[in-house]
Amino acid sequence: MEQQHNSLVEDPIAKALICFALPVFWGNVFQQLYNTVDSLIVGQFLGDKALA
């Protein structure tokens, strides 16, 4: 079995930053989308006081 050599020290820093930053970015985007849709649904069915 061959070992893969994937060292963050030897790779370009931009590639490493993108590999770590993109999942965090998309996770935050989907979290915000979920919160927005949840607020719209709660506001629609339960009213303004439920969001306070």
Protein backbone atom coordinates (compact mmCIF):
# COMPACT_ATOMS: atom_id res chain seq x y z
CA MET A 1 0.00 0.00 0.00
CA GLU A 2 1.38 3.39 -0.97
CA GLN A 3 1.45 6.27 1.46
CA GLN A 4 0.19 9.63 0.32
CA HIS A 5 2.38 12.54 1.23
CA ASN A 6 0.24 15.59 1.84
CA SER A 7 2.20 18.08 3.86
CA LEU A 8 0.83 21.53 4.55
CA VAL A 9 4.38 22.70 5.13
CA GLU A 10 5.52 21.84 1.62
CA ASP A 11 2.41 22.93 -0.31
CA PRO A 12 1.87 26.57 -1.28
CA ILE A 13 0.23 28.57 1.50
CA ALA A 14 -2.58 29.80 -0.78
CA LYS A 15 -3.64 26.24 -1.55
CA ALA A 16 -3.67 25.31 2.13
CA LEU A 17 -5.69 28.41 3.05
CA ILE A 18 -8.25 27.70 0.34
CA CYS A 19 -8.55 24.07 1.40
CA PHE A 20 -9.36 25.15 4.95
CA ALA A 21 -11.31 28.35 4.23
CA LEU A 22 -13.78 27.12 1.61
CA PRO A 23 -15.54 24.53 3.80
CA VAL A 24 -15.77 27.06 6.62
CA PHE A 25 -17.13 29.70 4.25
CA TRP A 26 -19.77 27.40 2.76
CA GLY A 27 -20.71 26.11 6.20
CA ASN A 28 -21.33 29.68 7.34
CA VAL A 29 -23.34 30.49 4.21
CA PHE A 30 -25.63 27.49 4.72
CA GLN A 31 -25.95 28.23 8.45
CA GLN A 32 -27.06 31.79 7.68
CA LEU A 33 -29.46 30.56 5.00
CA TYR A 34 -30.97 28.09 7.48
CA ASN A 35 -31.39 30.81 10.12
CA THR A 36 -33.01 33.17 7.61
CA VAL A 37 -35.49 30.57 6.36
CA ASP A 38 -36.23 29.48 9.93
CA SER A 39 -36.97 33.09 10.93
CA LEU A 40 -39.27 33.52 7.94
CA ILE A 41 -41.20 30.35 8.77
CA VAL A 42 -41.47 31.14 12.48
CA GLY A 43 -42.52 34.71 11.72
CA GLN A 44 -45.12 33.53 9.22
CA PHE A 45 -46.77 30.91 11.42
CA LEU A 46 -46.19 32.14 14.98
CA GLY A 47 -46.05 35.89 14.51
CA ASP A 48 -43.65 38.66 15.42
CA LYS A 49 -43.69 37.95 19.15
CA ALA A 50 -42.24 34.48 18.61
CA LEU A 51 -39.13 36.04 17.08
CA ALA A 52 -38.52 38.45 19.95
